[in-house]
Amino acid sequence: MTIPWTPLPYRDGGTAPLREDVSAALETPLREWLHAAVLRHGEDVWQRVAIRCDLVLDTEDGFDQSDVDHPERLAYWTPTEQLLEAIDALLDLLPVPMPTVVPARPAGPAGR
């Protein structure tokens, strides 16, 4: 059974987070990671994150957007207040890595 994703602000957590905002020191690395992760995991994932977080990635102010791809828009146009929510939404969409099972070596003679 799959549990539907719930945005961070609406989760019933046991304890309050240490921080509710993104520090200035972490903002750029988080945006870079978000951009790289979206590029790595397919073209449509940015749309799913944007829809989940209710993000508007287009502008109406006449800005020429033709040279900015959607993964870049998601990473760098998401308001700082919603950055953690966008990252959380993306993490929920990423495939769960399967653990690598290394077969045990057969038991050798005693003393070796």
PDB file of N, CA and C in Angstrom:
ATOM      1  N   MET A   1       0.841  -1.172   0.000  1.00  0.00           N
ATOM      2  CA  MET A   1       0.000   0.000   0.000  1.00  0.00           C
ATOM      3  C   MET A   1       0.886   1.234   0.000  1.00  0.00           C
ATOM      4  N   THR A   2       0.611   2.165  -0.885  1.00  0.00           N
ATOM      5  CA  THR A   2       1.388   3.381  -0.980  1.00  0.00           C
ATOM      6  C   THR A   2       0.711   4.488  -0.185  1.00  0.00           C
ATOM      7  N   ILE A   3       1.468   5.135   0.652  1.00  0.00           N
ATOM      8  CA  ILE A   3       0.945   6.250   1.435  1.00  0.00           C
ATOM      9  C   ILE A   3       1.115   7.512   0.606  1.00  0.00           C
ATOM     10  N   PRO A   4       0.040   8.297   0.416  1.00  0.00           N
ATOM     11  CA  PRO A   4       0.180   9.508  -0.391  1.00  0.00           C
ATOM     12  C   PRO A   4       1.096  10.527   0.283  1.00  0.00           C
ATOM     13  N   TRP A   5       1.799  11.267  -0.551  1.00  0.00           N
ATOM     14  CA  TRP A   5       2.703  12.289  -0.059  1.00  0.00           C
ATOM     15  C   TRP A   5       1.911  13.436   0.553  1.00  0.00           C
ATOM     16  N   THR A   6       2.387  13.922   1.678  1.00  0.00           N
ATOM     17  CA  THR A   6       1.782  15.064   2.345  1.00  0.00           C
ATOM     18  C   THR A   6       2.836  16.155   2.448  1.00  0.00           C
ATOM     19  N   PRO A   7       2.511  17.400   2.061  1.00  0.00           N
ATOM     20  CA  PRO A   7       3.499  18.478   2.156  1.00  0.00           C
ATOM     21  C   PRO A   7       4.024  18.658   3.576  1.00  0.00           C
ATOM     22  N   LEU A   8       5.259  19.077   3.671  1.00  0.00           N
ATOM     23  CA  LEU A   8       5.902  19.265   4.974  1.00  0.00           C
ATOM     24  C   LEU A   8       5.073  20.080   5.967  1.00  0.00           C
ATOM     25  N   PRO A   9       4.510  21.215   5.572  1.00  0.00           N
ATOM     26  CA  PRO A   9       3.789  22.023   6.561  1.00  0.00           C
ATOM     27  C   PRO A   9       2.555  21.332   7.147  1.00  0.00           C
ATOM     28  N   TYR A  10       2.057  20.277   6.483  1.00  0.00           N
ATOM     29  CA  TYR A  10       0.834  19.634   6.937  1.00  0.00           C
ATOM     30  C   TYR A  10       1.070  18.282   7.609  1.00  0.00           C
ATOM     31  N   ARG A  11       2.298  17.880   7.722  1.00  0.00           N
ATOM     32  CA  ARG A  11       2.578  16.596   8.366  1.00  0.00           C
ATOM     33  C   ARG A  11       2.440  16.715   9.868  1.00  0.00           C
ATOM     34  N   ASP A  12       1.992  15.643  10.454  1.00  0.00           N
ATOM     35  CA  ASP A  12       1.847  15.600  11.900  1.00  0.00           C
ATOM     36  C   ASP A  12       3.116  14.994  12.480  1.00  0.00           C
ATOM     37  N   GLY A  13       4.106  15.815  12.694  1.00  0.00           N
ATOM     38  CA  GLY A  13       5.381  15.346  13.228  1.00  0.00           C
ATOM     39  C   GLY A  13       5.354  15.352  14.740  1.00  0.00           C
ATOM     40  N   GLY A  14       6.189  14.548  15.327  1.00  0.00           N
ATOM     41  CA  GLY A  14       6.255  14.472  16.776  1.00  0.00           C
ATOM     42  C   GLY A  14       6.953  15.666  17.404  1.00  0.00           C
ATOM     43  N   THR A  15       7.956  16.189  16.729  1.00  0.00           N
ATOM     44  CA  THR A  15       8.692  17.322  17.286  1.00  0.00           C
ATOM     45  C   THR A  15       8.825  18.410  16.232  1.00  0.00           C
ATOM     46  N   ALA A  16       8.995  19.607  16.683  1.00  0.00           N
ATOM     47  CA  ALA A  16       9.172  20.729  15.756  1.00  0.00           C
ATOM     48  C   ALA A  16      10.564  20.650  15.137  1.00  0.00           C
ATOM     49  N   PRO A  17      10.684  21.045  13.876  1.00  0.00           N
ATOM     50  CA  PRO A  17      12.016  21.031  13.253  1.00  0.00           C
ATOM     51  C   PRO A  17      12.939  22.047  13.911  1.00  0.00           C
ATOM     52  N   LEU A  18      14.232  21.798  13.805  1.00  0.00           N
ATOM     53  CA  LEU A  18      15.188  22.738  14.366  1.00  0.00           C
ATOM     54  C   LEU A  18      15.098  24.085  13.660  1.00  0.00           C
ATOM     55  N   ARG A  19      14.822  24.044  12.381  1.00  0.00           N
ATOM     56  CA  ARG A  19      14.671  25.261  11.574  1.00  0.00           C
ATOM     57  C   ARG A  19      13.489  25.079  10.641  1.00  0.00           C
ATOM     58  N   GLU A  20      12.808  26.153  10.371  1.00  0.00           N
ATOM     59  CA  GLU A  20      11.731  26.100   9.395  1.00  0.00           C
ATOM     60  C   GLU A  20      12.126  26.756   8.095  1.00  0.00           C
ATOM     61  N   ASP A  21      13.259  27.437   8.079  1.00  0.00           N
ATOM     62  CA  ASP A  21      13.704  28.122   6.872  1.00  0.00           C
ATOM     63  C   ASP A  21      15.001  27.506   6.374  1.00  0.00           C
ATOM     64  N   VAL A  22      15.459  27.981   5.232  1.00  0.00           N
ATOM     65  CA  VAL A  22      16.717  27.516   4.655  1.00  0.00           C
ATOM     66  C   VAL A  22      17.771  28.573   4.958  1.00  0.00           C
ATOM     67  N   SER A  23      18.859  28.149   5.545  1.00  0.00           N
ATOM     68  CA  SER A  23      19.913  29.111   5.851  1.00  0.00           C
ATOM     69  C   SER A  23      20.555  29.604   4.558  1.00  0.00           C
ATOM     70  N   ALA A  24      21.102  30.792   4.602  1.00  0.00           N
ATOM     71  CA  ALA A  24      21.759  31.368   3.426  1.00  0.00           C
ATOM     72  C   ALA A  24      22.918  30.486   2.963  1.00  0.00           C
ATOM     73  N   ALA A  25      23.591  29.834   3.892  1.00  0.00           N
ATOM     74  CA  ALA A  25      24.726  28.976   3.548  1.00  0.00           C
ATOM     75  C   ALA A  25      24.295  27.718   2.804  1.00  0.00           C
ATOM     76  N   LEU A  26      23.071  27.256   3.024  1.00  0.00           N
ATOM     77  CA  LEU A  26      22.594  26.028   2.380  1.00  0.00           C
ATOM     78  C   LEU A  26      21.751  26.265   1.138  1.00  0.00           C
ATOM     79  N   GLU A  27      21.281  27.465   0.928  1.00  0.00           N
ATOM     80  CA  GLU A  27      20.352  27.699  -0.174  1.00  0.00           C
ATOM     81  C   GLU A  27      20.941  27.340  -1.532  1.00  0.00           C
ATOM     82  N   THR A  28      22.118  27.820  -1.847  1.00  0.00           N
ATOM     83  CA  THR A  28      22.716  27.536  -3.160  1.00  0.00           C
ATOM     84  C   THR A  28      23.013  26.050  -3.342  1.00  0.00           C
ATOM     85  N   PRO A  29      23.653  25.375  -2.369  1.00  0.00           N
ATOM     86  CA  PRO A  29      23.883  23.928  -2.551  1.00  0.00           C
ATOM     87  C   PRO A  29      22.581  23.128  -2.694  1.00  0.00           C
ATOM     88  N   LEU A  30      21.532  23.510  -1.981  1.00  0.00           N
ATOM     89  CA  LEU A  30      20.258  22.804  -2.114  1.00  0.00           C
ATOM     90  C   LEU A  30      19.651  23.022  -3.493  1.00  0.00           C
ATOM     91  N   ARG A  31      19.736  24.223  -4.010  1.00  0.00           N
ATOM     92  CA  ARG A  31      19.215  24.508  -5.349  1.00  0.00           C
ATOM     93  C   ARG A  31      20.018  23.745  -6.412  1.00  0.00           C
ATOM     94  N   GLU A  32      21.335  23.682  -6.247  1.00  0.00           N
ATOM     95  CA  GLU A  32      22.172  22.939  -7.198  1.00  0.00           C
ATOM     96  C   GLU A  32      21.836  21.455  -7.167  1.00  0.00           C
ATOM     97  N   TRP A  33      21.633  20.914  -5.957  1.00  0.00           N
ATOM     98  CA  TRP A  33      21.269  19.499  -5.837  1.00  0.00           C
ATOM     99  C   TRP A  33      19.913  19.246  -6.481  1.00  0.00           C
ATOM    100  N   LEU A  34      18.946  20.120  -6.230  1.00  0.00           N
ATOM    101  CA  LEU A  34      17.615  19.969  -6.801  1.00  0.00           C
ATOM    102  C   LEU A  34      17.682  19.964  -8.321  1.00  0.00           C
ATOM    103  N   HIS A  35      18.440  20.876  -8.889  1.00  0.00           N
ATOM    104  CA  HIS A  35      18.584  20.952 -10.347  1.00  0.00           C
ATOM    105  C   HIS A  35      19.199  19.661 -10.886  1.00  0.00           C
ATOM    106  N   ALA A  36      20.296  19.213 -10.295  1.00  0.00           N
ATOM    107  CA  ALA A  36      20.968  17.994 -10.762  1.00  0.00           C
ATOM    108  C   ALA A  36      20.068  16.767 -10.606  1.00  0.00           C
ATOM    109  N   ALA A  37      19.345  16.679  -9.495  1.00  0.00           N
ATOM    110  CA  ALA A  37      18.477  15.521  -9.265  1.00  0.00           C
ATOM    111  C   ALA A  37      17.326  15.474 -10.258  1.00  0.00           C
ATOM    112  N   VAL A  38      16.755  16.620 -10.577  1.00  0.00           N
ATOM    113  CA  VAL A  38      15.664  16.661 -11.552  1.00  0.00           C
ATOM    114  C   VAL A  38      16.186  16.257 -12.935  1.00  0.00           C
ATOM    115  N   LEU A  39      17.354  16.751 -13.312  1.00  0.00           N
ATOM    116  CA  LEU A  39      17.935  16.376 -14.604  1.00  0.00           C
ATOM    117  C   LEU A  39      18.226  14.876 -14.676  1.00  0.00           C
ATOM    118  N   ARG A  40      18.673  14.315 -13.567  1.00  0.00           N
ATOM    119  CA  ARG A  40      19.061  12.906 -13.529  1.00  0.00           C
ATOM    120  C   ARG A  40      17.857  11.966 -13.570  1.00  0.00           C
ATOM    121  N   HIS A  41      16.714  12.409 -13.098  1.00  0.00           N
ATOM    122  CA  HIS A  41      15.575  11.494 -12.934  1.00  0.00           C
ATOM    123  C   HIS A  41      14.427  11.730 -13.897  1.00  0.00           C
ATOM    124  N   GLY A  42      14.676  12.358 -14.998  1.00  0.00           N
ATOM    125  CA  GLY A  42      13.658  12.431 -16.038  1.00  0.00           C
ATOM    126  C   GLY A  42      12.996  13.779 -16.171  1.00  0.00           C
ATOM    127  N   GLU A  43      12.539  14.018 -17.375  1.00  0.00           N
ATOM    128  CA  GLU A  43      11.999  15.331 -17.733  1.00  0.00           C
ATOM    129  C   GLU A  43      10.684  15.646 -17.041  1.00  0.00           C
ATOM    130  N   ASP A  44       9.854  14.641 -16.764  1.00  0.00           N
ATOM    131  CA  ASP A  44       8.542  14.943 -16.206  1.00  0.00           C
ATOM    132  C   ASP A  44       8.530  15.126 -14.692  1.00  0.00           C
ATOM    133  N   VAL A  45       9.608  14.804 -14.011  1.00  0.00           N
ATOM    134  CA  VAL A  45       9.602  14.884 -12.557  1.00  0.00           C
ATOM    135  C   VAL A  45       9.464  16.330 -12.082  1.00  0.00           C
ATOM    136  N   TRP A  46       9.995  17.290 -12.820  1.00  0.00           N
ATOM    137  CA  TRP A  46       9.865  18.691 -12.416  1.00  0.00           C
ATOM    138  C   TRP A  46       8.399  19.100 -12.385  1.00  0.00           C
ATOM    139  N   GLN A  47       7.605  18.577 -13.336  1.00  0.00           N
ATOM    140  CA  GLN A  47       6.177  18.910 -13.374  1.00  0.00           C
ATOM    141  C   GLN A  47       5.455  18.366 -12.148  1.00  0.00           C
ATOM    142  N   ARG A  48       5.789  17.158 -11.790  1.00  0.00           N
ATOM    143  CA  ARG A  48       5.129  16.536 -10.631  1.00  0.00           C
ATOM    144  C   ARG A  48       5.456  17.272  -9.344  1.00  0.00           C
ATOM    145  N   VAL A  49       6.704  17.711  -9.211  1.00  0.00           N
ATOM    146  CA  VAL A  49       7.097  18.497  -8.030  1.00  0.00           C
ATOM    147  C   VAL A  49       6.360  19.835  -8.033  1.00  0.00           C
ATOM    148  N   ALA A  50       6.342  20.501  -9.174  1.00  0.00           N
ATOM    149  CA  ALA A  50       5.672  21.803  -9.269  1.00  0.00           C
ATOM    150  C   ALA A  50       4.188  21.699  -8.929  1.00  0.00           C
ATOM    151  N   ILE A  51       3.546  20.637  -9.400  1.00  0.00           N
ATOM    152  CA  ILE A  51       2.122  20.453  -9.109  1.00  0.00           C
ATOM    153  C   ILE A  51       1.914  20.162  -7.628  1.00  0.00           C
ATOM    154  N   ARG A  52       2.724  19.287  -7.069  1.00  0.00           N
ATOM    155  CA  ARG A  52       2.585  18.964  -5.647  1.00  0.00           C
ATOM    156  C   ARG A  52       2.765  20.187  -4.757  1.00  0.00           C
ATOM    157  N   CYS A  53       3.676  21.063  -5.141  1.00  0.00           N
ATOM    158  CA  CYS A  53       3.992  22.233  -4.309  1.00  0.00           C
ATOM    159  C   CYS A  53       3.253  23.487  -4.764  1.00  0.00           C
ATOM    160  N   ASP A  54       2.411  23.362  -5.779  1.00  0.00           N
ATOM    161  CA  ASP A  54       1.647  24.488  -6.308  1.00  0.00           C
ATOM    162  C   ASP A  54       2.571  25.647  -6.697  1.00  0.00           C
ATOM    163  N   LEU A  55       3.604  25.301  -7.474  1.00  0.00           N
ATOM    164  CA  LEU A  55       4.586  26.290  -7.910  1.00  0.00           C
ATOM    165  C   LEU A  55       4.251  26.797  -9.309  1.00  0.00           C
ATOM    166  N   VAL A  56       4.381  28.083  -9.522  1.00  0.00           N
ATOM    167  CA  VAL A  56       4.213  28.679 -10.838  1.00  0.00           C
ATOM    168  C   VAL A  56       5.608  28.979 -11.359  1.00  0.00           C
ATOM    169  N   LEU A  57       5.983  28.319 -12.447  1.00  0.00           N
ATOM    170  CA  LEU A  57       7.347  28.441 -12.967  1.00  0.00           C
ATOM    171  C   LEU A  57       7.412  29.286 -14.234  1.00  0.00           C
ATOM    172  N   ASP A  58       6.353  29.989 -14.529  1.00  0.00           N
ATOM    173  CA  ASP A  58       6.337  30.900 -15.665  1.00  0.00           C
ATOM    174  C   ASP A  58       6.158  32.319 -15.142  1.00  0.00           C
ATOM    175  N   THR A  59       6.613  33.278 -15.905  1.00  0.00           N
ATOM    176  CA  THR A  59       6.428  34.670 -15.513  1.00  0.00           C
ATOM    177  C   THR A  59       5.573  35.375 -16.554  1.00  0.00           C
ATOM    178  N   GLU A  60       4.944  36.429 -16.134  1.00  0.00           N
ATOM    179  CA  GLU A  60       4.110  37.209 -17.045  1.00  0.00           C
ATOM    180  C   GLU A  60       4.684  38.611 -17.228  1.00  0.00           C
ATOM    181  N   ASP A  61       5.929  38.816 -16.864  1.00  0.00           N
ATOM    182  CA  ASP A  61       6.513  40.150 -16.915  1.00  0.00           C
ATOM    183  C   ASP A  61       7.347  40.400 -18.170  1.00  0.00           C
ATOM    184  N   GLY A  62       7.178  39.559 -19.184  1.00  0.00           N
ATOM    185  CA  GLY A  62       7.902  39.761 -20.428  1.00  0.00           C
ATOM    186  C   GLY A  62       9.308  39.182 -20.426  1.00  0.00           C
ATOM    187  N   PHE A  63       9.710  38.492 -19.367  1.00  0.00           N
ATOM    188  CA  PHE A  63      11.034  37.878 -19.282  1.00  0.00           C
ATOM    189  C   PHE A  63      11.144  36.775 -20.335  1.00  0.00           C
ATOM    190  N   ASP A  64      12.227  36.779 -21.091  1.00  0.00           N
ATOM    191  CA  ASP A  64      12.447  35.756 -22.113  1.00  0.00           C
ATOM    192  C   ASP A  64      12.871  34.467 -21.424  1.00  0.00           C
ATOM    193  N   GLN A  65      11.985  33.478 -21.438  1.00  0.00           N
ATOM    194  CA  GLN A  65      12.223  32.216 -20.742  1.00  0.00           C
ATOM    195  C   GLN A  65      12.770  31.128 -21.652  1.00  0.00           C
ATOM    196  N   SER A  66      12.976  31.444 -22.917  1.00  0.00           N
ATOM    197  CA  SER A  66      13.336  30.416 -23.884  1.00  0.00           C
ATOM    198  C   SER A  66      14.668  29.742 -23.591  1.00  0.00           C
ATOM    199  N   ASP A  67      15.572  30.423 -22.911  1.00  0.00           N
ATOM    200  CA  ASP A  67      16.877  29.820 -22.643  1.00  0.00           C
ATOM    201  C   ASP A  67      16.973  29.206 -21.243  1.00  0.00           C
ATOM    202  N   VAL A  68      15.853  29.127 -20.516  1.00  0.00           N
ATOM    203  CA  VAL A  68      15.842  28.545 -19.174  1.00  0.00           C
ATOM    204  C   VAL A  68      14.968  27.297 -19.203  1.00  0.00           C
ATOM    205  N   ASP A  69      15.576  26.126 -18.969  1.00  0.00           N
ATOM    206  CA  ASP A  69      14.784  24.894 -19.001  1.00  0.00           C
ATOM    207  C   ASP A  69      13.977  24.738 -17.706  1.00  0.00           C
ATOM    208  N   HIS A  70      13.004  23.856 -17.735  1.00  0.00           N
ATOM    209  CA  HIS A  70      12.119  23.688 -16.586  1.00  0.00           C
ATOM    210  C   HIS A  70      12.830  23.170 -15.331  1.00  0.00           C
ATOM    211  N   PRO A  71      13.765  22.216 -15.430  1.00  0.00           N
ATOM    212  CA  PRO A  71      14.485  21.824 -14.221  1.00  0.00           C
ATOM    213  C   PRO A  71      15.221  23.008 -13.580  1.00  0.00           C
ATOM    214  N   GLU A  72      15.771  23.873 -14.416  1.00  0.00           N
ATOM    215  CA  GLU A  72      16.458  25.052 -13.881  1.00  0.00           C
ATOM    216  C   GLU A  72      15.461  26.006 -13.230  1.00  0.00           C
ATOM    217  N   ARG A  73      14.303  26.158 -13.840  1.00  0.00           N
ATOM    218  CA  ARG A  73      13.262  27.006 -13.249  1.00  0.00           C
ATOM    219  C   ARG A  73      12.844  26.464 -11.887  1.00  0.00           C
ATOM    220  N   LEU A  74      12.635  25.147 -11.815  1.00  0.00           N
ATOM    221  CA  LEU A  74      12.244  24.552 -10.536  1.00  0.00           C
ATOM    222  C   LEU A  74      13.298  24.815  -9.477  1.00  0.00           C
ATOM    223  N   ALA A  75      14.545  24.620  -9.830  1.00  0.00           N
ATOM    224  CA  ALA A  75      15.619  24.762  -8.849  1.00  0.00           C
ATOM    225  C   ALA A  75      15.860  26.208  -8.427  1.00  0.00           C
ATOM    226  N   TYR A  76      15.817  27.117  -9.385  1.00  0.00           N
ATOM    227  CA  TYR A  76      16.256  28.480  -9.081  1.00  0.00           C
ATOM    228  C   TYR A  76      15.123  29.499  -8.992  1.00  0.00           C
ATOM    229  N   TRP A  77      13.908  29.146  -9.399  1.00  0.00           N
ATOM    230  CA  TRP A  77      12.790  30.077  -9.287  1.00  0.00           C
ATOM    231  C   TRP A  77      11.855  29.723  -8.143  1.00  0.00           C
ATOM    232  N   THR A  78      12.047  28.569  -7.525  1.00  0.00           N
ATOM    233  CA  THR A  78      11.218  28.211  -6.374  1.00  0.00           C
ATOM    234  C   THR A  78      11.516  29.186  -5.249  1.00  0.00           C
ATOM    235  N   PRO A  79      10.489  29.789  -4.658  1.00  0.00           N
ATOM    236  CA  PRO A  79      10.742  30.702  -3.540  1.00  0.00           C
ATOM    237  C   PRO A  79      11.448  29.974  -2.394  1.00  0.00           C
ATOM    238  N   THR A  80      12.329  30.671  -1.727  1.00  0.00           N
ATOM    239  CA  THR A  80      13.096  30.073  -0.628  1.00  0.00           C
ATOM    240  C   THR A  80      12.173  29.439   0.404  1.00  0.00           C
ATOM    241  N   GLU A  81      11.010  30.047   0.617  1.00  0.00           N
ATOM    242  CA  GLU A  81      10.063  29.527   1.616  1.00  0.00           C
ATOM    243  C   GLU A  81       9.517  28.158   1.225  1.00  0.00           C
ATOM    244  N   GLN A  82       9.584  27.804  -0.059  1.00  0.00           N
ATOM    245  CA  GLN A  82       9.062  26.521  -0.519  1.00  0.00           C
ATOM    246  C   GLN A  82      10.156  25.563  -0.961  1.00  0.00           C
ATOM    247  N   LEU A  83      11.402  25.933  -0.789  1.00  0.00           N
ATOM    248  CA  LEU A  83      12.508  25.101  -1.273  1.00  0.00           C
ATOM    249  C   LEU A  83      12.550  23.742  -0.585  1.00  0.00           C
ATOM    250  N   LEU A  84      12.414  23.710   0.732  1.00  0.00           N
ATOM    251  CA  LEU A  84      12.434  22.421   1.439  1.00  0.00           C
ATOM    252  C   LEU A  84      11.254  21.546   1.038  1.00  0.00           C
ATOM    253  N   GLU A  85      10.112  22.159   0.812  1.00  0.00           N
ATOM    254  CA  GLU A  85       8.939  21.399   0.382  1.00  0.00           C
ATOM    255  C   GLU A  85       9.164  20.797  -1.008  1.00  0.00           C
ATOM    256  N   ALA A  86       9.783  21.553  -1.913  1.00  0.00           N
ATOM    257  CA  ALA A  86      10.064  21.044  -3.259  1.00  0.00           C
ATOM    258  C   ALA A  86      11.066  19.887  -3.201  1.00  0.00           C
ATOM    259  N   ILE A  87      12.078  20.016  -2.378  1.00  0.00           N
ATOM    260  CA  ILE A  87      13.059  18.936  -2.227  1.00  0.00           C
ATOM    261  C   ILE A  87      12.403  17.703  -1.630  1.00  0.00           C
ATOM    262  N   ASP A  88      11.561  17.897  -0.635  1.00  0.00           N
ATOM    263  CA  ASP A  88      10.856  16.782  -0.016  1.00  0.00           C
ATOM    264  C   ASP A  88       9.948  16.085  -1.027  1.00  0.00           C
ATOM    265  N   ALA A  89       9.256  16.872  -1.850  1.00  0.00           N
ATOM    266  CA  ALA A  89       8.384  16.295  -2.880  1.00  0.00           C
ATOM    267  C   ALA A  89       9.198  15.476  -3.876  1.00  0.00           C
ATOM    268  N   LEU A  90      10.355  15.993  -4.271  1.00  0.00           N
ATOM    269  CA  LEU A  90      11.212  15.261  -5.205  1.00  0.00           C
ATOM    270  C   LEU A  90      11.723  13.972  -4.574  1.00  0.00           C
ATOM    271  N   LEU A  91      12.167  14.036  -3.334  1.00  0.00           N
ATOM    272  CA  LEU A  91      12.663  12.828  -2.669  1.00  0.00           C
ATOM    273  C   LEU A  91      11.591  11.749  -2.604  1.00  0.00           C
ATOM    274  N   ASP A  92      10.341  12.148  -2.425  1.00  0.00           N
ATOM    275  CA  ASP A  92       9.254  11.175  -2.388  1.00  0.00           C
ATOM    276  C   ASP A  92       9.042  10.517  -3.753  1.00  0.00           C
ATOM    277  N   LEU A  93       9.349  11.234  -4.831  1.00  0.00           N
ATOM    278  CA  LEU A  93       9.148  10.704  -6.185  1.00  0.00           C
ATOM    279  C   LEU A  93      10.299   9.832  -6.678  1.00  0.00           C
ATOM    280  N   LEU A  94      11.463   9.968  -6.075  1.00  0.00           N
ATOM    281  CA  LEU A  94      12.628   9.222  -6.543  1.00  0.00           C
ATOM    282  C   LEU A  94      12.491   7.746  -6.203  1.00  0.00           C
ATOM    283  N   PRO A  95      13.040   6.892  -7.039  1.00  0.00           N
ATOM    284  CA  PRO A  95      12.976   5.453  -6.749  1.00  0.00           C
ATOM    285  C   PRO A  95      13.782   5.124  -5.500  1.00  0.00           C
ATOM    286  N   VAL A  96      13.273   4.163  -4.768  1.00  0.00           N
ATOM    287  CA  VAL A  96      13.974   3.712  -3.564  1.00  0.00           C
ATOM    288  C   VAL A  96      15.096   2.779  -3.995  1.00  0.00           C
ATOM    289  N   PRO A  97      16.342   3.090  -3.625  1.00  0.00           N
ATOM    290  CA  PRO A  97      17.438   2.207  -4.034  1.00  0.00           C
ATOM    291  C   PRO A  97      17.324   0.850  -3.348  1.00  0.00           C
ATOM    292  N   MET A  98      17.603  -0.165  -4.107  1.00  0.00           N
ATOM    293  CA  MET A  98      17.576  -1.519  -3.555  1.00  0.00           C
ATOM    294  C   MET A  98      18.933  -1.822  -2.942  1.00  0.00           C
ATOM    295  N   PRO A  99      18.938  -2.410  -1.755  1.00  0.00           N
ATOM    296  CA  PRO A  99      20.226  -2.730  -1.143  1.00  0.00           C
ATOM    297  C   PRO A  99      20.975  -3.785  -1.960  1.00  0.00           C
ATOM    298  N   THR A 100      22.268  -3.644  -1.991  1.00  0.00           N
ATOM    299  CA  THR A 100      23.109  -4.608  -2.687  1.00  0.00           C
ATOM    300  C   THR A 100      23.432  -5.738  -1.733  1.00  0.00           C
ATOM    301  N   VAL A 101      23.103  -6.936  -2.144  1.00  0.00           N
ATOM    302  CA  VAL A 101      23.380  -8.104  -1.308  1.00  0.00           C
ATOM    303  C   VAL A 101      24.658  -8.771  -1.827  1.00  0.00           C
ATOM    304  N   VAL A 102      25.622  -8.854  -0.942  1.00  0.00           N
ATOM    305  CA  VAL A 102      26.872  -9.495  -1.286  1.00  0.00           C
ATOM    306  C   VAL A 102      26.837 -10.908  -0.702  1.00  0.00           C
ATOM    307  N   PRO A 103      26.984 -11.915  -1.577  1.00  0.00           N
ATOM    308  CA  PRO A 103      26.918 -13.277  -1.054  1.00  0.00           C
ATOM    309  C   PRO A 103      28.069 -13.545  -0.079  1.00  0.00           C
ATOM    310  N   ALA A 104      27.760 -14.306   0.932  1.00  0.00           N
ATOM    311  CA  ALA A 104      28.766 -14.661   1.927  1.00  0.00           C
ATOM    312  C   ALA A 104      29.786 -15.622   1.298  1.00  0.00           C
ATOM    313  N   ARG A 105      31.005 -15.503   1.729  1.00  0.00           N
ATOM    314  CA  ARG A 105      32.035 -16.433   1.265  1.00  0.00           C
ATOM    315  C   ARG A 105      31.819 -17.776   1.948  1.00  0.00           C
ATOM    316  N   PRO A 106      32.084 -18.825   1.201  1.00  0.00           N
ATOM    317  CA  PRO A 106      31.956 -20.138   1.848  1.00  0.00           C
ATOM    318  C   PRO A 106      32.990 -20.251   2.972  1.00  0.00           C
ATOM    319  N   ALA A 107      32.616 -20.971   3.975  1.00  0.00           N
ATOM    320  CA  ALA A 107      33.517 -21.153   5.113  1.00  0.00           C
ATOM    321  C   ALA A 107      34.730 -21.967   4.669  1.00  0.00           C
ATOM    322  N   GLY A 108      35.903 -21.479   5.034  1.00  0.00           N
ATOM    323  CA  GLY A 108      37.142 -22.164   4.688  1.00  0.00           C
ATOM    324  C   GLY A 108      37.596 -23.054   5.837  1.00  0.00           C
ATOM    325  N   PRO A 109      38.729 -23.689   5.650  1.00  0.00           N
ATOM    326  CA  PRO A 109      39.279 -24.536   6.720  1.00  0.00           C
ATOM    327  C   PRO A 109      39.545 -23.694   7.970  1.00  0.00           C
ATOM    328  N   ALA A 110      39.443 -24.292   9.091  1.00  0.00           N
ATOM    329  CA  ALA A 110      39.679 -23.592  10.354  1.00  0.00           C
ATOM    330  C   ALA A 110      41.101 -23.046  10.379  1.00  0.00           C
ATOM    331  N   GLY A 111      41.276 -21.876  10.958  1.00  0.00           N
ATOM    332  CA  GLY A 111      42.606 -21.307  11.082  1.00  0.00           C
ATOM    333  C   GLY A 111      42.978 -20.390   9.923  1.00  0.00           C
ATOM    334  N   ARG A 112      42.180 -20.301   8.921  1.00  0.00           N
ATOM    335  CA  ARG A 112      42.474 -19.426   7.778  1.00  0.00           C
ATOM    336  C   ARG A 112      41.637 -18.226   7.782  1.00  0.00           C
TER     337      ARG A 112
END
